[in-house]
């Protein structure tokens, strides 16, 4: 008898859901970057890391279902971290707080540092919005998406403990 026998449908397919949700988010981000030409800022790149981690966790859970006792709560925690990164990015976009993320020149920069930076393209500032849907940025959508996935994972972890 496996850990997922006699479990609800949504829980039996939770590893596959983690794989598809993470691969879909990464696919959307890379498509926006490589196909649509949207330049990601540093915080955009940081937001991809939790999805990559959960993709690996989902693969572990898919091929070894007995690991779901620790895969689901860990994936839930990783999604919460991703939600926090995305929320911080929304705050930078909305200028609720300041960030030195890309685009800023240091006040005490030497002439040689300035010349070196001018020769290279400066990084995209994190408060510049390139894309919105209904006035909502990708980072804002990521807050909701990551939070929903965290709830899914943590609910699954609680269900497995019963």
N, C-alpha and C. Protein backbone atom coordinates (compact mmCIF):
# COMPACT_ATOMS: atom_id res chain seq x y z
N UNK A 1 0.84 -1.18 0.00
CA UNK A 1 0.00 0.00 0.00
C UNK A 1 0.90 1.26 0.00
N UNK A 2 0.67 2.17 -0.96
CA UNK A 2 1.48 3.38 -1.04
C UNK A 2 0.85 4.48 -0.21
N UNK A 3 1.63 5.52 -0.01
CA UNK A 3 1.18 6.66 0.80
C UNK A 3 -0.03 7.36 0.17
N UNK A 4 -0.18 7.25 -1.15
CA UNK A 4 -1.25 7.97 -1.83
C UNK A 4 -2.51 7.15 -2.08
N UNK A 5 -2.47 5.86 -1.74
CA UNK A 5 -3.69 5.07 -1.87
C UNK A 5 -4.72 5.58 -0.88
N UNK A 6 -5.96 5.55 -1.27
CA UNK A 6 -7.08 6.02 -0.45
C UNK A 6 -7.01 7.51 -0.15
N UNK A 7 -6.27 8.26 -0.94
CA UNK A 7 -6.21 9.71 -0.78
C UNK A 7 -7.08 10.36 -1.86
N UNK A 8 -7.55 11.59 -1.63
CA UNK A 8 -8.35 12.26 -2.65
C UNK A 8 -7.56 12.48 -3.94
N UNK A 9 -8.29 12.66 -5.01
CA UNK A 9 -7.71 12.84 -6.35
C UNK A 9 -6.65 13.94 -6.36
N UNK A 10 -6.97 15.09 -5.77
CA UNK A 10 -6.05 16.23 -5.82
C UNK A 10 -4.73 15.93 -5.12
N UNK A 11 -4.78 15.10 -4.09
CA UNK A 11 -3.57 14.77 -3.35
C UNK A 11 -2.76 13.70 -4.09
N UNK A 12 -3.44 12.76 -4.73
CA UNK A 12 -2.73 11.73 -5.48
C UNK A 12 -1.91 12.32 -6.61
N UNK A 13 -2.42 13.38 -7.20
CA UNK A 13 -1.73 14.00 -8.34
C UNK A 13 -0.99 15.28 -7.94
N UNK A 14 -0.77 15.48 -6.66
CA UNK A 14 -0.07 16.69 -6.21
C UNK A 14 1.36 16.80 -6.74
N UNK A 15 2.13 15.70 -6.83
CA UNK A 15 3.48 15.87 -7.41
C UNK A 15 3.42 16.35 -8.86
N UNK A 16 2.49 15.81 -9.63
CA UNK A 16 2.34 16.25 -11.01
C UNK A 16 1.87 17.71 -11.06
N UNK A 17 1.01 18.09 -10.14
CA UNK A 17 0.55 19.48 -10.09
C UNK A 17 1.71 20.42 -9.79
N UNK A 18 2.61 20.01 -8.89
CA UNK A 18 3.78 20.83 -8.59
C UNK A 18 4.68 20.99 -9.81
N UNK A 19 4.87 19.90 -10.53
CA UNK A 19 5.70 19.94 -11.74
C UNK A 19 5.08 20.86 -12.77
N UNK A 20 3.78 20.70 -13.04
CA UNK A 20 3.12 21.50 -14.07
C UNK A 20 3.04 22.98 -13.68
N UNK A 21 2.73 23.25 -12.41
CA UNK A 21 2.62 24.64 -11.96
C UNK A 21 3.97 25.35 -12.03
N UNK A 22 5.02 24.66 -11.64
CA UNK A 22 6.35 25.26 -11.66
C UNK A 22 6.88 25.41 -13.08
N UNK A 23 6.73 24.36 -13.88
CA UNK A 23 7.19 24.43 -15.27
C UNK A 23 6.40 25.48 -16.04
N UNK A 24 5.11 25.60 -15.75
CA UNK A 24 4.29 26.62 -16.41
C UNK A 24 4.74 28.03 -16.07
N UNK A 25 5.03 28.26 -14.80
CA UNK A 25 5.48 29.60 -14.38
C UNK A 25 6.84 29.93 -15.00
N UNK A 26 7.75 28.96 -14.98
CA UNK A 26 9.06 29.19 -15.59
C UNK A 26 8.94 29.36 -17.10
N UNK A 27 8.09 28.57 -17.72
CA UNK A 27 7.87 28.70 -19.17
C UNK A 27 7.31 30.06 -19.53
N UNK A 28 6.37 30.54 -18.73
CA UNK A 28 5.79 31.86 -18.98
C UNK A 28 6.85 32.95 -18.84
N UNK A 29 7.67 32.85 -17.79
CA UNK A 29 8.71 33.86 -17.55
C UNK A 29 9.74 33.87 -18.67
N UNK A 30 10.21 32.69 -19.06
CA UNK A 30 11.21 32.62 -20.12
C UNK A 30 10.62 33.00 -21.48
N UNK A 31 9.36 32.69 -21.69
CA UNK A 31 8.70 33.11 -22.93
C UNK A 31 8.59 34.63 -23.00
N UNK A 32 8.21 35.24 -21.89
CA UNK A 32 8.11 36.70 -21.86
C UNK A 32 9.47 37.33 -22.14
N UNK A 33 10.51 36.70 -21.63
CA UNK A 33 11.86 37.23 -21.81
C UNK A 33 12.38 36.97 -23.23
N UNK A 34 12.33 35.74 -23.67
CA UNK A 34 13.00 35.36 -24.91
C UNK A 34 12.15 35.58 -26.16
N UNK A 35 10.86 35.41 -26.05
CA UNK A 35 9.98 35.56 -27.21
C UNK A 35 9.45 36.99 -27.31
N UNK A 36 8.95 37.51 -26.18
CA UNK A 36 8.35 38.85 -26.19
C UNK A 36 9.36 39.96 -25.96
N UNK A 37 10.58 39.61 -25.57
CA UNK A 37 11.63 40.61 -25.40
C UNK A 37 11.53 41.44 -24.13
N UNK A 38 10.79 40.97 -23.12
CA UNK A 38 10.73 41.70 -21.86
C UNK A 38 12.00 41.42 -21.06
N UNK A 39 12.65 42.48 -20.64
CA UNK A 39 13.90 42.33 -19.89
C UNK A 39 13.60 42.16 -18.41
N UNK A 40 14.05 41.06 -17.80
CA UNK A 40 13.81 40.87 -16.37
C UNK A 40 14.80 41.67 -15.53
N UNK A 41 14.33 42.14 -14.38
CA UNK A 41 15.23 42.78 -13.42
C UNK A 41 15.77 41.69 -12.49
N UNK A 42 16.59 42.09 -11.57
CA UNK A 42 17.19 41.14 -10.63
C UNK A 42 16.11 40.44 -9.80
N UNK A 43 15.13 41.19 -9.32
CA UNK A 43 14.07 40.58 -8.52
C UNK A 43 13.22 39.62 -9.34
N UNK A 44 13.02 39.91 -10.62
CA UNK A 44 12.30 38.98 -11.50
C UNK A 44 13.05 37.65 -11.57
N UNK A 45 14.36 37.73 -11.69
CA UNK A 45 15.17 36.51 -11.75
C UNK A 45 15.11 35.75 -10.43
N UNK A 46 15.15 36.48 -9.31
CA UNK A 46 15.04 35.82 -8.01
C UNK A 46 13.72 35.09 -7.85
N UNK A 47 12.66 35.61 -8.43
CA UNK A 47 11.34 34.99 -8.31
C UNK A 47 11.26 33.65 -9.04
N UNK A 48 12.18 33.39 -9.94
CA UNK A 48 12.18 32.12 -10.68
C UNK A 48 12.77 30.98 -9.86
N UNK A 49 13.63 31.30 -8.92
CA UNK A 49 14.34 30.28 -8.16
C UNK A 49 13.39 29.35 -7.39
N UNK A 50 12.40 29.86 -6.65
CA UNK A 50 11.50 28.93 -5.95
C UNK A 50 10.77 27.97 -6.89
N UNK A 51 10.42 28.43 -8.08
CA UNK A 51 9.75 27.53 -9.02
C UNK A 51 10.68 26.42 -9.49
N UNK A 52 11.95 26.74 -9.69
CA UNK A 52 12.93 25.71 -10.07
C UNK A 52 13.11 24.70 -8.95
N UNK A 53 13.18 25.18 -7.71
CA UNK A 53 13.33 24.29 -6.56
C UNK A 53 12.12 23.37 -6.44
N UNK A 54 10.92 23.93 -6.57
CA UNK A 54 9.70 23.11 -6.43
C UNK A 54 9.56 22.15 -7.61
N UNK A 55 10.05 22.52 -8.77
CA UNK A 55 10.03 21.59 -9.91
C UNK A 55 10.83 20.34 -9.56
N UNK A 56 12.00 20.51 -8.96
CA UNK A 56 12.81 19.37 -8.54
C UNK A 56 12.08 18.58 -7.45
N UNK A 57 11.49 19.28 -6.49
CA UNK A 57 10.74 18.58 -5.43
C UNK A 57 9.56 17.80 -6.01
N UNK A 58 8.88 18.38 -6.97
CA UNK A 58 7.77 17.68 -7.61
C UNK A 58 8.23 16.42 -8.33
N UNK A 59 9.39 16.49 -8.99
CA UNK A 59 9.94 15.30 -9.65
C UNK A 59 10.29 14.22 -8.63
N UNK A 60 10.86 14.64 -7.50
CA UNK A 60 11.16 13.67 -6.44
C UNK A 60 9.87 13.00 -5.97
N UNK A 61 8.84 13.80 -5.70
CA UNK A 61 7.57 13.26 -5.23
C UNK A 61 6.88 12.39 -6.26
N UNK A 62 7.05 12.73 -7.53
CA UNK A 62 6.41 11.96 -8.60
C UNK A 62 7.03 10.56 -8.70
N UNK A 63 8.35 10.49 -8.60
CA UNK A 63 9.02 9.20 -8.79
C UNK A 63 9.21 8.42 -7.50
N UNK A 64 9.03 9.07 -6.37
CA UNK A 64 9.12 8.40 -5.08
C UNK A 64 8.04 8.96 -4.15
N UNK A 65 6.79 8.49 -4.32
CA UNK A 65 5.67 9.04 -3.55
C UNK A 65 5.84 8.95 -2.03
N UNK A 66 6.66 8.05 -1.54
CA UNK A 66 6.86 7.95 -0.09
C UNK A 66 7.53 9.20 0.48
N UNK A 67 8.11 10.04 -0.37
CA UNK A 67 8.77 11.26 0.08
C UNK A 67 7.79 12.42 0.27
N UNK A 68 6.54 12.25 -0.09
CA UNK A 68 5.58 13.36 -0.01
C UNK A 68 5.39 13.90 1.40
N UNK A 69 5.69 13.10 2.41
CA UNK A 69 5.58 13.59 3.79
C UNK A 69 6.48 14.79 4.04
N UNK A 70 7.60 14.87 3.36
CA UNK A 70 8.48 16.03 3.51
C UNK A 70 8.50 16.91 2.26
N UNK A 71 8.19 16.35 1.09
CA UNK A 71 8.20 17.14 -0.15
C UNK A 71 7.11 18.22 -0.11
N UNK A 72 5.90 17.86 0.28
CA UNK A 72 4.80 18.84 0.26
C UNK A 72 5.01 19.99 1.24
N UNK A 73 5.37 19.73 2.51
CA UNK A 73 5.59 20.89 3.39
C UNK A 73 6.79 21.74 2.95
N UNK A 74 7.82 21.09 2.43
CA UNK A 74 8.98 21.85 1.97
C UNK A 74 8.61 22.69 0.74
N UNK A 75 7.85 22.12 -0.17
CA UNK A 75 7.39 22.88 -1.34
C UNK A 75 6.51 24.05 -0.90
N UNK A 76 5.66 23.82 0.09
CA UNK A 76 4.82 24.90 0.62
C UNK A 76 5.67 26.03 1.19
N UNK A 77 6.71 25.67 1.92
CA UNK A 77 7.61 26.69 2.48
C UNK A 77 8.35 27.44 1.38
N UNK A 78 8.78 26.73 0.35
CA UNK A 78 9.48 27.36 -0.76
C UNK A 78 8.55 28.32 -1.50
N UNK A 79 7.29 27.92 -1.68
CA UNK A 79 6.33 28.83 -2.32
C UNK A 79 6.07 30.06 -1.46
N UNK A 80 6.07 29.91 -0.13
CA UNK A 80 5.92 31.07 0.74
C UNK A 80 7.10 32.02 0.61
N UNK A 81 8.30 31.47 0.47
CA UNK A 81 9.48 32.32 0.23
C UNK A 81 9.31 33.04 -1.10
N UNK A 82 8.88 32.32 -2.13
CA UNK A 82 8.64 32.94 -3.43
C UNK A 82 7.59 34.03 -3.36
N UNK A 83 6.55 33.81 -2.56
CA UNK A 83 5.51 34.82 -2.35
C UNK A 83 6.11 36.06 -1.70
N UNK A 84 7.00 35.84 -0.74
CA UNK A 84 7.66 36.97 -0.07
C UNK A 84 8.54 37.77 -1.01
N UNK A 85 9.29 37.09 -1.87
CA UNK A 85 10.13 37.78 -2.85
C UNK A 85 9.25 38.59 -3.81
N UNK A 86 8.16 37.97 -4.27
CA UNK A 86 7.26 38.67 -5.19
C UNK A 86 6.60 39.87 -4.51
N UNK A 87 6.22 39.71 -3.23
CA UNK A 87 5.61 40.82 -2.51
C UNK A 87 6.60 41.97 -2.35
N UNK A 88 7.84 41.64 -2.05
CA UNK A 88 8.87 42.67 -1.95
C UNK A 88 9.01 43.40 -3.29
N UNK A 89 8.98 42.64 -4.39
CA UNK A 89 9.08 43.25 -5.72
C UNK A 89 7.89 44.17 -5.99
N UNK A 90 6.71 43.77 -5.60
CA UNK A 90 5.53 44.64 -5.75
C UNK A 90 5.74 45.93 -4.97
N UNK A 91 6.27 45.82 -3.76
CA UNK A 91 6.54 47.02 -2.97
C UNK A 91 7.53 47.96 -3.63
N UNK A 92 8.53 47.40 -4.30
CA UNK A 92 9.49 48.21 -5.03
C UNK A 92 8.80 48.87 -6.23
N UNK A 93 7.99 48.09 -6.95
CA UNK A 93 7.27 48.64 -8.10
C UNK A 93 6.34 49.77 -7.69
N UNK A 94 5.67 49.61 -6.57
CA UNK A 94 4.70 50.61 -6.10
C UNK A 94 5.37 51.72 -5.29
N UNK A 95 6.69 51.59 -5.10
CA UNK A 95 7.49 52.54 -4.34
C UNK A 95 7.01 52.67 -2.89
N UNK A 96 6.60 51.53 -2.32
CA UNK A 96 6.28 51.48 -0.90
C UNK A 96 7.57 51.53 -0.09
N UNK A 97 8.65 51.03 -0.67
CA UNK A 97 9.98 51.07 -0.06
C UNK A 97 11.01 51.18 -1.17
N UNK A 98 12.20 51.57 -0.77
CA UNK A 98 13.28 51.78 -1.72
C UNK A 98 14.11 50.50 -1.87
N UNK A 99 14.69 50.35 -3.04
CA UNK A 99 15.58 49.24 -3.31
C UNK A 99 16.71 49.74 -4.19
N UNK A 100 17.88 49.18 -4.01
CA UNK A 100 19.01 49.54 -4.87
C UNK A 100 19.09 48.58 -6.05
N UNK A 101 17.99 47.97 -6.38
CA UNK A 101 17.93 46.97 -7.43
C UNK A 101 18.09 47.61 -8.80
N UNK A 102 19.23 47.42 -9.43
CA UNK A 102 19.46 47.84 -10.81
C UNK A 102 19.18 49.29 -11.09
N UNK A 103 19.78 49.80 -12.10
CA UNK A 103 19.47 51.12 -12.60
C UNK A 103 19.98 52.29 -11.80
N UNK A 104 20.41 52.13 -10.57
CA UNK A 104 20.87 53.23 -9.74
C UNK A 104 22.37 53.37 -9.84
N UNK A 105 22.85 54.59 -9.89
CA UNK A 105 24.28 54.86 -9.87
C UNK A 105 24.67 55.26 -8.46
N UNK A 106 25.76 54.70 -7.99
CA UNK A 106 26.23 55.06 -6.66
C UNK A 106 26.79 56.48 -6.67
N UNK A 107 26.55 57.24 -5.61
CA UNK A 107 27.00 58.62 -5.54
C UNK A 107 28.51 58.76 -5.44
N UNK A 108 29.20 57.76 -4.92
CA UNK A 108 30.64 57.86 -4.76
C UNK A 108 31.39 57.01 -5.78
N UNK A 109 30.85 56.90 -7.00
CA UNK A 109 31.45 56.09 -8.05
C UNK A 109 32.63 56.84 -8.67
N UNK A 110 33.71 56.13 -8.90
CA UNK A 110 34.87 56.77 -9.52
C UNK A 110 34.63 56.92 -11.03
N UNK A 111 35.45 57.75 -11.66
CA UNK A 111 35.32 57.98 -13.10
C UNK A 111 35.56 56.71 -13.89
N UNK A 112 36.53 55.90 -13.46
CA UNK A 112 36.79 54.65 -14.19
C UNK A 112 35.62 53.67 -14.04
N UNK A 113 35.00 53.63 -12.84
CA UNK A 113 33.82 52.77 -12.65
C UNK A 113 32.66 53.25 -13.51
N UNK A 114 32.47 54.57 -13.59
CA UNK A 114 31.41 55.13 -14.40
C UNK A 114 31.63 54.80 -15.88
N UNK A 115 32.85 54.93 -16.35
CA UNK A 115 33.15 54.61 -17.75
C UNK A 115 32.92 53.13 -18.04
N UNK A 116 33.30 52.27 -17.10
CA UNK A 116 33.09 50.83 -17.28
C UNK A 116 31.60 50.52 -17.32
N UNK A 117 30.82 51.19 -16.49
CA UNK A 117 29.38 50.93 -16.48
C UNK A 117 28.70 51.46 -17.74
N UNK A 118 29.18 52.58 -18.26
CA UNK A 118 28.59 53.14 -19.48
C UNK A 118 28.87 52.27 -20.69
N UNK A 119 29.96 51.51 -20.68
CA UNK A 119 30.27 50.63 -21.79
C UNK A 119 29.37 49.40 -21.78
N UNK A 120 28.91 49.01 -20.63
CA UNK A 120 27.99 47.88 -20.51
C UNK A 120 26.57 48.42 -20.31
N UNK A 121 25.62 47.64 -20.75
CA UNK A 121 24.22 48.04 -20.54
C UNK A 121 23.90 47.93 -19.05
N UNK A 122 23.39 48.99 -18.44
CA UNK A 122 23.07 48.89 -17.01
C UNK A 122 21.89 47.94 -16.79
N UNK A 123 21.83 47.33 -15.61
CA UNK A 123 20.72 46.42 -15.33
C UNK A 123 19.39 47.17 -15.27
N UNK A 124 18.33 46.46 -15.59
CA UNK A 124 17.00 47.04 -15.56
C UNK A 124 16.62 47.35 -14.11
N UNK A 125 16.05 48.52 -13.90
CA UNK A 125 15.58 48.89 -12.57
C UNK A 125 14.35 48.06 -12.20
N UNK A 126 14.25 47.69 -10.94
CA UNK A 126 13.16 46.81 -10.50
C UNK A 126 11.82 47.53 -10.37
N UNK A 127 11.82 48.87 -10.39
CA UNK A 127 10.55 49.58 -10.28
C UNK A 127 9.98 49.97 -11.65
N UNK A 128 10.62 49.53 -12.72
CA UNK A 128 10.11 49.80 -14.07
C UNK A 128 9.18 48.67 -14.50
N UNK A 129 7.93 49.01 -14.75
CA UNK A 129 6.96 48.01 -15.22
C UNK A 129 7.01 47.94 -16.74
N UNK A 130 7.21 46.74 -17.27
CA UNK A 130 7.19 46.56 -18.71
C UNK A 130 5.89 45.93 -19.19
N UNK A 131 5.21 45.20 -18.32
CA UNK A 131 4.03 44.46 -18.73
C UNK A 131 3.02 44.45 -17.59
N UNK A 132 1.76 44.70 -17.92
CA UNK A 132 0.67 44.56 -16.96
C UNK A 132 -0.52 43.94 -17.67
N UNK A 133 -1.37 43.32 -16.92
CA UNK A 133 -2.65 42.82 -17.42
C UNK A 133 -3.71 43.35 -16.46
N UNK A 134 -4.62 44.15 -16.98
CA UNK A 134 -5.64 44.83 -16.17
C UNK A 134 -4.99 45.72 -15.11
N UNK A 135 -3.82 46.28 -15.44
CA UNK A 135 -3.12 47.17 -14.53
C UNK A 135 -2.36 46.45 -13.42
N UNK A 136 -2.25 45.15 -13.52
CA UNK A 136 -1.58 44.35 -12.48
C UNK A 136 -0.30 43.77 -13.06
N UNK A 137 0.81 43.94 -12.33
CA UNK A 137 2.11 43.49 -12.81
C UNK A 137 2.29 41.98 -12.64
N UNK A 138 3.30 41.45 -13.32
CA UNK A 138 3.62 40.03 -13.18
C UNK A 138 3.99 39.68 -11.74
N UNK A 139 4.69 40.57 -11.07
CA UNK A 139 5.07 40.32 -9.68
C UNK A 139 3.83 40.19 -8.79
N UNK A 140 2.83 41.01 -9.05
CA UNK A 140 1.60 40.94 -8.26
C UNK A 140 0.87 39.63 -8.51
N UNK A 141 0.80 39.21 -9.77
CA UNK A 141 0.20 37.91 -10.08
C UNK A 141 0.98 36.80 -9.40
N UNK A 142 2.31 36.94 -9.35
CA UNK A 142 3.13 35.92 -8.71
C UNK A 142 2.85 35.81 -7.22
N UNK A 143 2.55 36.92 -6.56
CA UNK A 143 2.19 36.86 -5.13
C UNK A 143 0.99 35.93 -4.94
N UNK A 144 -0.06 36.16 -5.71
CA UNK A 144 -1.28 35.35 -5.58
C UNK A 144 -1.03 33.90 -5.98
N UNK A 145 -0.30 33.70 -7.07
CA UNK A 145 -0.03 32.35 -7.58
C UNK A 145 0.79 31.55 -6.56
N UNK A 146 1.86 32.16 -6.06
CA UNK A 146 2.71 31.46 -5.09
C UNK A 146 1.98 31.19 -3.78
N UNK A 147 1.17 32.15 -3.35
CA UNK A 147 0.40 31.94 -2.12
C UNK A 147 -0.61 30.81 -2.29
N UNK A 148 -1.29 30.78 -3.41
CA UNK A 148 -2.24 29.70 -3.68
C UNK A 148 -1.56 28.34 -3.71
N UNK A 149 -0.40 28.27 -4.35
CA UNK A 149 0.33 27.01 -4.40
C UNK A 149 0.86 26.60 -3.03
N UNK A 150 1.25 27.58 -2.21
CA UNK A 150 1.69 27.27 -0.85
C UNK A 150 0.54 26.67 -0.04
N UNK A 151 -0.64 27.26 -0.17
CA UNK A 151 -1.81 26.73 0.54
C UNK A 151 -2.12 25.31 0.08
N UNK A 152 -2.04 25.08 -1.23
CA UNK A 152 -2.27 23.74 -1.79
C UNK A 152 -1.30 22.73 -1.17
N UNK A 153 -0.02 23.08 -1.15
CA UNK A 153 1.00 22.16 -0.61
C UNK A 153 0.81 21.91 0.88
N UNK A 154 0.57 22.97 1.62
CA UNK A 154 0.42 22.81 3.07
C UNK A 154 -0.86 22.07 3.43
N UNK A 155 -1.93 22.27 2.65
CA UNK A 155 -3.16 21.49 2.86
C UNK A 155 -2.91 20.01 2.58
N UNK A 156 -2.15 19.74 1.53
CA UNK A 156 -1.80 18.36 1.23
C UNK A 156 -0.95 17.72 2.32
N UNK A 157 -0.02 18.48 2.85
CA UNK A 157 0.83 17.98 3.94
C UNK A 157 -0.01 17.67 5.17
N UNK A 158 -0.94 18.54 5.49
CA UNK A 158 -1.82 18.28 6.65
C UNK A 158 -2.70 17.05 6.41
N UNK A 159 -3.19 16.90 5.21
CA UNK A 159 -4.05 15.75 4.88
C UNK A 159 -3.26 14.44 5.01
N UNK A 160 -2.00 14.46 4.60
CA UNK A 160 -1.19 13.24 4.71
C UNK A 160 -0.88 12.88 6.15
N UNK A 161 -0.85 13.85 7.04
CA UNK A 161 -0.53 13.57 8.45
C UNK A 161 -1.69 12.93 9.18
N UNK A 162 -2.89 13.06 8.65
CA UNK A 162 -4.08 12.50 9.34
C UNK A 162 -4.16 11.02 9.15
